[in-house]
Amino acid sequence: MSISESDWKKFKALRALALERFYLGVLAAAKTISERETLSAEARYRTLYRLTRDRDNDIVRMFDFYSRSKARESLAQMISHDLLTDSELSVLSEETLSAISYAVRQRYDIEWVAEQASGD
């Protein structure tokens, strides 16, 4: 079901905000990974590779379907990845808020790759 024209206009602004936060989060995680000097370069590279692969999949689910019929689904994904605050979402209609109320916020955690045993 499509969202109202009024919510669609608000969705566009919320989407842009969430996308910027998404990018900043990925960059912050990449920095954390690259600076973890207790891990080998290989382990950091493999962790970074997994991060970018997983976040590429996330970005498709959240941001690639730019239509009124998919806006609620996109908003729910943005909420589940904690990219929008309740205050920011409060501009939406009760109907839209009710439709996305099932979304549960979850933090992104880095999935660290274990060190490989030396093959000597």
C-alpha atoms as a PDB file:
ATOM      1  CA  MET A   1       0.000   0.000   0.000  1.00  0.00           C
ATOM      2  CA  SER A   2       1.243   3.478  -0.864  1.00  0.00           C
ATOM      3  CA  ILE A   3       1.797   6.246   1.626  1.00  0.00           C
ATOM      4  CA  SER A   4       0.027   9.582   1.362  1.00  0.00           C
ATOM      5  CA  GLU A   5       1.441  12.396  -0.746  1.00  0.00           C
ATOM      6  CA  SER A   6       2.228  14.351   2.424  1.00  0.00           C
ATOM      7  CA  ASP A   7       4.151  11.421   3.934  1.00  0.00           C
ATOM      8  CA  TRP A   8       5.915  10.806   0.616  1.00  0.00           C
ATOM      9  CA  LYS A   9       7.362  14.322   0.721  1.00  0.00           C
ATOM     10  CA  LYS A  10       8.501  13.777   4.314  1.00  0.00           C
ATOM     11  CA  PHE A  11       9.858  10.345   3.419  1.00  0.00           C
ATOM     12  CA  LYS A  12      12.185  11.893   0.845  1.00  0.00           C
ATOM     13  CA  ALA A  13      13.839  14.058   3.510  1.00  0.00           C
ATOM     14  CA  LEU A  14      13.988  11.199   6.030  1.00  0.00           C
ATOM     15  CA  ARG A  15      15.495   8.904   3.398  1.00  0.00           C
ATOM     16  CA  ALA A  16      18.274  11.404   2.636  1.00  0.00           C
ATOM     17  CA  LEU A  17      19.051  11.773   6.351  1.00  0.00           C
ATOM     18  CA  ALA A  18      19.089   8.005   6.903  1.00  0.00           C
ATOM     19  CA  LEU A  19      21.308   7.428   3.872  1.00  0.00           C
ATOM     20  CA  GLU A  20      23.875   9.949   5.127  1.00  0.00           C
ATOM     21  CA  ARG A  21      23.872   8.281   8.553  1.00  0.00           C
ATOM     22  CA  PHE A  22      24.242   4.888   6.914  1.00  0.00           C
ATOM     23  CA  TYR A  23      27.338   6.023   5.003  1.00  0.00           C
ATOM     24  CA  LEU A  24      28.834   7.635   8.108  1.00  0.00           C
ATOM     25  CA  GLY A  25      28.246   4.449  10.088  1.00  0.00           C
ATOM     26  CA  VAL A  26      29.973   2.293   7.487  1.00  0.00           C
ATOM     27  CA  LEU A  27      32.929   4.688   7.359  1.00  0.00           C
ATOM     28  CA  ALA A  28      33.207   4.715  11.161  1.00  0.00           C
ATOM     29  CA  ALA A  29      33.147   0.915  11.262  1.00  0.00           C
ATOM     30  CA  ALA A  30      35.781   0.737   8.512  1.00  0.00           C
ATOM     31  CA  LYS A  31      38.004   3.080  10.525  1.00  0.00           C
ATOM     32  CA  THR A  32      37.542   0.973  13.663  1.00  0.00           C
ATOM     33  CA  ILE A  33      38.470  -2.154  11.728  1.00  0.00           C
ATOM     34  CA  SER A  34      41.535  -0.651  10.077  1.00  0.00           C
ATOM     35  CA  GLU A  35      42.832   0.720  13.385  1.00  0.00           C
ATOM     36  CA  ARG A  36      42.528  -2.593  15.276  1.00  0.00           C
ATOM     37  CA  GLU A  37      46.257  -3.261  15.276  1.00  0.00           C
ATOM     38  CA  THR A  38      45.923  -6.257  17.586  1.00  0.00           C
ATOM     39  CA  LEU A  39      44.652  -8.142  14.528  1.00  0.00           C
ATOM     40  CA  SER A  40      46.705  -9.068  11.506  1.00  0.00           C
ATOM     41  CA  ALA A  41      46.296  -7.127   8.296  1.00  0.00           C
ATOM     42  CA  GLU A  42      44.626 -10.197   6.798  1.00  0.00           C
ATOM     43  CA  ALA A  43      42.026 -10.437   9.571  1.00  0.00           C
ATOM     44  CA  ARG A  44      41.297  -6.722   9.300  1.00  0.00           C
ATOM     45  CA  TYR A  45      40.974  -6.990   5.520  1.00  0.00           C
ATOM     46  CA  ARG A  46      38.615  -9.983   5.778  1.00  0.00           C
ATOM     47  CA  THR A  47      36.520  -8.207   8.410  1.00  0.00           C
ATOM     48  CA  LEU A  48      36.366  -5.093   6.241  1.00  0.00           C
ATOM     49  CA  TYR A  49      35.406  -7.183   3.216  1.00  0.00           C
ATOM     50  CA  ARG A  50      32.519  -8.795   5.119  1.00  0.00           C
ATOM     51  CA  LEU A  51      31.404  -5.424   6.422  1.00  0.00           C
ATOM     52  CA  THR A  52      31.204  -3.886   2.952  1.00  0.00           C
ATOM     53  CA  ARG A  53      29.515  -6.966   1.494  1.00  0.00           C
ATOM     54  CA  ASP A  54      26.881  -7.019   4.238  1.00  0.00           C
ATOM     55  CA  ARG A  55      26.305  -3.256   4.148  1.00  0.00           C
ATOM     56  CA  ASP A  56      25.954  -3.373   0.352  1.00  0.00           C
ATOM     57  CA  ASN A  57      23.114  -5.853   0.843  1.00  0.00           C
ATOM     58  CA  ASP A  58      21.570  -3.626   3.519  1.00  0.00           C
ATOM     59  CA  ILE A  59      21.708  -0.530   1.333  1.00  0.00           C
ATOM     60  CA  VAL A  60      19.843  -2.325  -1.447  1.00  0.00           C
ATOM     61  CA  ARG A  61      17.057  -3.387   0.931  1.00  0.00           C
ATOM     62  CA  MET A  62      16.697   0.088   2.430  1.00  0.00           C
ATOM     63  CA  PHE A  63      17.357   2.526  -0.368  1.00  0.00           C
ATOM     64  CA  ASP A  64      17.084   0.968  -3.836  1.00  0.00           C
ATOM     65  CA  PHE A  65      13.286   0.843  -3.965  1.00  0.00           C
ATOM     66  CA  TYR A  66      12.377   4.513  -4.232  1.00  0.00           C
ATOM     67  CA  SER A  67       8.619   4.458  -4.681  1.00  0.00           C
ATOM     68  CA  ARG A  68       5.537   5.325  -2.685  1.00  0.00           C
ATOM     69  CA  SER A  69       4.486   1.678  -2.683  1.00  0.00           C
ATOM     70  CA  LYS A  70       7.781   0.611  -1.033  1.00  0.00           C
ATOM     71  CA  ALA A  71       8.258   3.608   1.282  1.00  0.00           C
ATOM     72  CA  ARG A  72       6.821   1.937   4.387  1.00  0.00           C
ATOM     73  CA  GLU A  73       9.033  -1.098   3.920  1.00  0.00           C
ATOM     74  CA  SER A  74      12.058   1.167   3.470  1.00  0.00           C
ATOM     75  CA  LEU A  75      11.177   3.157   6.587  1.00  0.00           C
ATOM     76  CA  ALA A  76      10.872  -0.035   8.624  1.00  0.00           C
ATOM     77  CA  GLN A  77      14.334  -1.101   7.437  1.00  0.00           C
ATOM     78  CA  MET A  78      15.748   2.316   8.333  1.00  0.00           C
ATOM     79  CA  ILE A  79      14.257   2.017  11.812  1.00  0.00           C
ATOM     80  CA  SER A  80      15.561  -1.516  12.275  1.00  0.00           C
ATOM     81  CA  HIS A  81      19.062  -0.241  11.487  1.00  0.00           C
ATOM     82  CA  ASP A  82      18.550   2.680  13.902  1.00  0.00           C
ATOM     83  CA  LEU A  83      19.040   5.360  11.251  1.00  0.00           C
ATOM     84  CA  LEU A  84      16.086   7.575  12.251  1.00  0.00           C
ATOM     85  CA  THR A  85      14.997   8.807  15.672  1.00  0.00           C
ATOM     86  CA  ASP A  86      11.464   8.688  17.027  1.00  0.00           C
ATOM     87  CA  SER A  87      11.465  12.477  16.972  1.00  0.00           C
ATOM     88  CA  GLU A  88      12.336  12.537  13.272  1.00  0.00           C
ATOM     89  CA  LEU A  89       9.678   9.937  12.503  1.00  0.00           C
ATOM     90  CA  SER A  90       7.030  11.908  14.400  1.00  0.00           C
ATOM     91  CA  VAL A  91       6.436  14.085  11.318  1.00  0.00           C
ATOM     92  CA  LEU A  92       4.722  11.132   9.614  1.00  0.00           C
ATOM     93  CA  SER A  93       0.997  10.444   9.792  1.00  0.00           C
ATOM     94  CA  GLU A  94      -0.477   8.104  12.391  1.00  0.00           C
ATOM     95  CA  GLU A  95      -1.397   5.731   9.572  1.00  0.00           C
ATOM     96  CA  THR A  96       2.198   5.405   8.400  1.00  0.00           C
ATOM     97  CA  LEU A  97       3.573   5.208  11.942  1.00  0.00           C
ATOM     98  CA  SER A  98       1.121   2.425  12.710  1.00  0.00           C
ATOM     99  CA  ALA A  99       2.114   0.556   9.547  1.00  0.00           C
ATOM    100  CA  ILE A 100       5.806   0.571  10.532  1.00  0.00           C
ATOM    101  CA  SER A 101       5.351   0.038  14.270  1.00  0.00           C
ATOM    102  CA  TYR A 102       6.568  -3.569  13.956  1.00  0.00           C
ATOM    103  CA  ALA A 103      10.137  -2.427  13.209  1.00  0.00           C
ATOM    104  CA  VAL A 104      12.606  -3.117  16.029  1.00  0.00           C
ATOM    105  CA  ARG A 105      15.827  -1.126  16.373  1.00  0.00           C
ATOM    106  CA  GLN A 106      19.029  -3.140  16.233  1.00  0.00           C
ATOM    107  CA  ARG A 107      22.559  -1.838  16.454  1.00  0.00           C
ATOM    108  CA  TYR A 108      25.102  -2.683  13.836  1.00  0.00           C
ATOM    109  CA  ASP A 109      27.914  -4.716  15.327  1.00  0.00           C
ATOM    110  CA  ILE A 110      31.143  -5.482  13.559  1.00  0.00           C
ATOM    111  CA  GLU A 111      31.538  -9.195  12.887  1.00  0.00           C
ATOM    112  CA  TRP A 112      35.221  -9.704  13.536  1.00  0.00           C
ATOM    113  CA  VAL A 113      37.015 -12.403  11.575  1.00  0.00           C
ATOM    114  CA  ALA A 114      39.136 -14.808  13.594  1.00  0.00           C
ATOM    115  CA  GLU A 115      42.840 -14.954  12.963  1.00  0.00           C
ATOM    116  CA  GLN A 116      43.861 -17.787  10.650  1.00  0.00           C
ATOM    117  CA  ALA A 117      46.344 -20.312  11.963  1.00  0.00           C
ATOM    118  CA  SER A 118      49.725 -20.001  10.347  1.00  0.00           C
ATOM    119  CA  GLY A 119      50.249 -22.515   7.553  1.00  0.00           C
ATOM    120  CA  ASP A 120      54.000 -22.860   8.135  1.00  0.00           C
END
